[in-house]
Amino acid sequence: MKKQLSNTQKTKPELILNAALGQFAENGFHSSPVSQLAVLAGVGVGTIYRYFKDKEELIHAVFEKIDETLKKELAESLDTSLSDRSQYIQFISILIRYMNTHTKEFIFMEQYYSSPYGIETKHARFLSSDSGDQSDPIANLFVGTKKAVLKNLPLPIFLAMTFGPVIFLVRDSLSGLVTLDDAVIRQTAEACWNAIKA
């Protein structure tokens, strides 16, 4: 018989993940000691290690939480009955809005994908094969039938032409250099599409 967790036990991993997200976004991975994360989460250091083997596992868990939330948002919002162009523009628009309104998540993801942790994840997710994960709405934008409408380029170039402009635009928005309204978001999405379409 499976042991039921109490409400307090159920919330501890969530408290730890939320504290870790905020701390990693503010101070980076290396300047966020587990002892400080424990204080912010309101738990003991030992409690963190009960749920996460080490800080590296915690970093990956924060990434997985953000990634799952974003995939859910895309799955619920992306209309797969649209043309490839319209789907792509819709995807970019959703991504920009999400990242612009989830500042901690955006900062964390920037750090993660620039770190050895994220490079390993990106390689496994996008670059290890050209087939893509059929359940992954992000990877699916560049594989299968859609290739007929895209330039014949390696996948890393598609990723750079898609995520590079989004990252710079959101970064500039958060710095106050640009105001992201519907028109700017649409223009950005269309420019990204024009860069990769056949």
Protein backbone atom coordinates (compact mmCIF):
# COMPACT_ATOMS: atom_id res chain seq x y z
CA MET A 1 0.00 0.00 0.00
CA LYS A 2 1.37 3.42 -0.99
CA LYS A 3 2.00 5.80 1.89
CA GLN A 4 0.04 9.05 1.66
CA LEU A 5 2.03 12.24 2.16
CA SER A 6 0.64 14.92 4.46
CA ASN A 7 -0.11 18.36 3.05
CA THR A 8 3.03 19.70 4.76
CA GLN A 9 5.22 17.05 3.16
CA LYS A 10 3.64 17.66 -0.24
CA THR A 11 4.43 21.37 -0.15
CA LYS A 12 8.09 21.15 0.90
CA PRO A 13 9.47 20.30 -2.57
CA GLU A 14 7.39 23.13 -4.01
CA LEU A 15 8.69 25.56 -1.37
CA ILE A 16 12.25 24.47 -2.13
CA LEU A 17 11.79 24.80 -5.91
CA ASN A 18 10.24 28.27 -5.58
CA ALA A 19 13.00 29.47 -3.26
CA ALA A 20 15.65 28.01 -5.56
CA LEU A 21 14.13 29.68 -8.63
CA GLY A 22 14.18 33.10 -6.98
CA GLN A 23 17.67 32.69 -5.57
CA PHE A 24 19.20 31.25 -8.75
CA ALA A 25 17.61 34.02 -10.84
CA GLU A 26 18.94 36.71 -8.50
CA ASN A 27 22.38 35.36 -7.59
CA GLY A 28 23.23 32.64 -10.10
CA PHE A 29 23.91 28.98 -9.44
CA HIS A 30 27.33 29.27 -7.81
CA SER A 31 26.43 32.15 -5.49
CA SER A 32 23.37 30.39 -4.08
CA PRO A 33 24.45 28.08 -1.24
CA VAL A 34 22.04 25.35 -0.18
CA SER A 35 22.00 26.81 3.35
CA GLN A 36 20.60 30.08 1.98
CA LEU A 37 18.01 28.21 -0.12
CA ALA A 38 16.91 26.36 3.02
CA VAL A 39 16.35 29.63 4.91
CA LEU A 40 14.34 31.10 2.03
CA ALA A 41 12.25 27.93 1.72
CA GLY A 42 11.68 27.77 5.47
CA VAL A 43 13.11 24.26 5.74
CA GLY A 44 16.25 22.67 7.12
CA VAL A 45 19.25 21.95 4.93
CA GLY A 46 18.68 18.24 5.51
CA THR A 47 15.15 18.58 4.14
CA ILE A 48 16.50 19.83 0.82
CA TYR A 49 18.78 16.81 0.60
CA ARG A 50 15.87 14.53 1.41
CA TYR A 51 14.17 15.64 -1.82
CA PHE A 52 17.17 16.49 -3.99
CA LYS A 53 20.45 14.55 -4.05
CA ASP A 54 22.55 17.69 -4.52
CA LYS A 55 22.39 21.24 -5.84
CA GLU A 56 22.84 20.03 -9.41
CA GLU A 57 19.73 17.86 -9.15
CA LEU A 58 17.85 20.85 -7.70
CA ILE A 59 18.95 23.03 -10.63
CA HIS A 60 17.68 20.43 -13.09
CA ALA A 61 14.41 20.14 -11.12
CA VAL A 62 13.82 23.90 -11.34
CA PHE A 63 14.46 23.70 -15.09
CA GLU A 64 12.03 20.78 -15.46
CA LYS A 65 9.33 22.67 -13.57
CA ILE A 66 9.67 25.73 -15.81
CA ASP A 67 9.90 23.58 -18.94
CA GLU A 68 6.76 21.61 -18.04
CA THR A 69 4.84 24.82 -17.31
CA LEU A 70 5.90 26.34 -20.63
CA LYS A 71 5.07 23.16 -22.57
CA LYS A 72 1.64 23.08 -20.91
CA GLU A 73 1.06 26.72 -21.85
CA LEU A 74 2.05 25.97 -25.44
CA ALA A 75 -0.03 22.79 -25.62
CA GLU A 76 -3.10 24.66 -24.37
CA SER A 77 -2.59 27.77 -26.50
CA LEU A 78 -1.00 26.57 -29.75
CA ASP A 79 -3.53 25.84 -32.50
CA THR A 80 -2.02 22.94 -34.45
CA SER A 81 -4.73 23.22 -37.12
CA LEU A 82 -3.18 26.48 -38.35
CA SER A 83 -0.70 26.69 -41.21
CA ASP A 84 2.97 26.20 -40.37
CA ARG A 85 3.55 29.94 -40.66
CA SER A 86 0.63 30.83 -38.37
CA GLN A 87 1.64 28.17 -35.83
CA TYR A 88 5.19 29.48 -35.75
CA ILE A 89 4.06 33.10 -35.32
CA GLN A 90 1.64 32.03 -32.60
CA PHE A 91 4.43 30.06 -30.88
CA ILE A 92 6.84 33.02 -30.89
CA SER A 93 4.10 35.33 -29.59
CA ILE A 94 3.22 32.97 -26.72
CA LEU A 95 6.90 32.53 -25.88
CA ILE A 96 7.63 36.27 -25.79
CA ARG A 97 4.59 37.00 -23.61
CA TYR A 98 5.38 34.15 -21.23
CA MET A 99 9.04 35.09 -20.80
CA ASN A 100 8.25 38.78 -20.46
CA THR A 101 5.74 38.14 -17.66
CA HIS A 102 7.76 35.43 -15.88
CA THR A 103 10.97 37.33 -15.18
CA LYS A 104 12.55 34.88 -12.75
CA GLU A 105 11.89 31.99 -15.10
CA PHE A 106 13.40 33.91 -18.02
CA ILE A 107 16.55 34.82 -16.08
CA PHE A 108 16.91 31.26 -14.81
CA MET A 109 16.52 29.76 -18.31
CA GLU A 110 19.12 32.15 -19.72
CA GLN A 111 21.59 31.04 -17.06
CA TYR A 112 20.66 27.39 -17.41
CA TYR A 113 21.11 27.18 -21.18
CA SER A 114 24.45 29.02 -20.91
CA SER A 115 25.74 26.60 -18.27
CA PRO A 116 27.10 23.06 -18.64
CA TYR A 117 23.75 21.79 -17.28
CA GLY A 118 21.78 23.46 -20.05
CA ILE A 119 24.23 22.64 -22.82
CA GLU A 120 23.88 18.96 -21.97
CA THR A 121 20.07 19.27 -21.88
CA LYS A 122 19.94 21.19 -25.17
CA HIS A 123 22.12 18.60 -26.85
CA ALA A 124 19.90 15.76 -25.65
CA ARG A 125 16.67 17.58 -26.49
CA PHE A 126 17.37 19.20 -29.82
CA LEU A 127 20.65 18.09 -31.31
CA SER A 128 21.10 14.39 -30.62
CA SER A 129 18.77 13.43 -33.48
CA ASP A 130 16.91 15.14 -36.27
CA SER A 131 13.65 13.37 -35.55
CA GLY A 132 12.61 15.39 -32.51
CA ASP A 133 10.33 14.47 -29.66
CA GLN A 134 6.80 14.22 -31.01
CA SER A 135 5.39 15.31 -27.62
CA ASP A 136 7.57 18.43 -27.54
CA PRO A 137 5.83 21.42 -29.19
CA ILE A 138 9.11 23.34 -29.38
CA ALA A 139 11.13 20.62 -31.10
CA ASN A 140 8.18 19.82 -33.36
CA LEU A 141 8.29 23.24 -34.99
CA PHE A 142 11.39 22.22 -36.91
CA VAL A 143 10.83 18.56 -37.78
CA GLY A 144 8.65 16.30 -39.89
CA THR A 145 6.37 17.79 -42.52
CA LYS A 146 7.31 21.35 -41.59
CA LYS A 147 10.78 20.93 -43.10
CA ALA A 148 9.26 21.28 -46.58
CA VAL A 149 8.39 24.90 -45.82
CA LEU A 150 11.66 25.74 -44.08
CA LYS A 151 15.10 26.50 -45.47
CA ASN A 152 17.44 23.54 -45.69
CA LEU A 153 19.51 24.46 -42.64
CA PRO A 154 20.86 22.53 -39.66
CA LEU A 155 18.60 22.50 -36.59
CA PRO A 156 20.97 24.66 -34.48
CA ILE A 157 20.50 27.51 -36.98
CA PHE A 158 16.70 27.27 -36.71
CA LEU A 159 17.02 27.38 -32.92
CA ALA A 160 19.33 30.42 -33.07
CA MET A 161 17.04 32.28 -35.51
CA THR A 162 14.04 31.54 -33.30
CA PHE A 163 15.28 31.92 -29.75
CA GLY A 164 18.01 34.52 -30.30
CA PRO A 165 15.64 37.37 -31.24
CA VAL A 166 13.18 36.35 -28.50
CA ILE A 167 15.88 36.39 -25.81
CA PHE A 168 17.28 39.76 -26.89
CA LEU A 169 13.82 41.32 -27.17
CA VAL A 170 12.67 40.11 -23.74
CA ARG A 171 15.99 41.16 -22.19
CA ASP A 172 15.59 44.65 -23.68
CA SER A 173 11.97 44.79 -22.49
CA LEU A 174 12.98 43.89 -18.94
CA SER A 175 15.71 46.56 -19.11
CA GLY A 176 13.15 49.17 -20.18
CA LEU A 177 14.67 49.65 -23.64
CA VAL A 178 11.60 48.50 -25.55
CA THR A 179 7.88 48.27 -24.85
CA LEU A 180 6.40 44.96 -25.89
CA ASP A 181 2.96 45.50 -27.34
CA ASP A 182 1.03 43.24 -29.73
CA ALA A 183 2.45 44.98 -32.80
CA VAL A 184 6.09 44.60 -31.71
CA ILE A 185 5.53 40.96 -30.75
CA ARG A 186 3.88 40.21 -34.11
CA GLN A 187 6.61 42.01 -36.07
CA THR A 188 9.27 40.02 -34.22
CA ALA A 189 7.48 36.72 -34.83
CA GLU A 190 7.06 37.50 -38.55
CA ALA A 191 10.72 38.53 -38.86
CA CYS A 192 11.79 35.23 -37.27
CA TRP A 193 9.55 33.30 -39.68
CA ASN A 194 10.90 35.20 -42.69
CA ALA A 195 14.44 34.29 -41.62
CA ILE A 196 13.77 30.52 -41.69
CA LYS A 197 11.05 30.00 -44.30
CA ALA A 198 12.00 28.41 -47.63
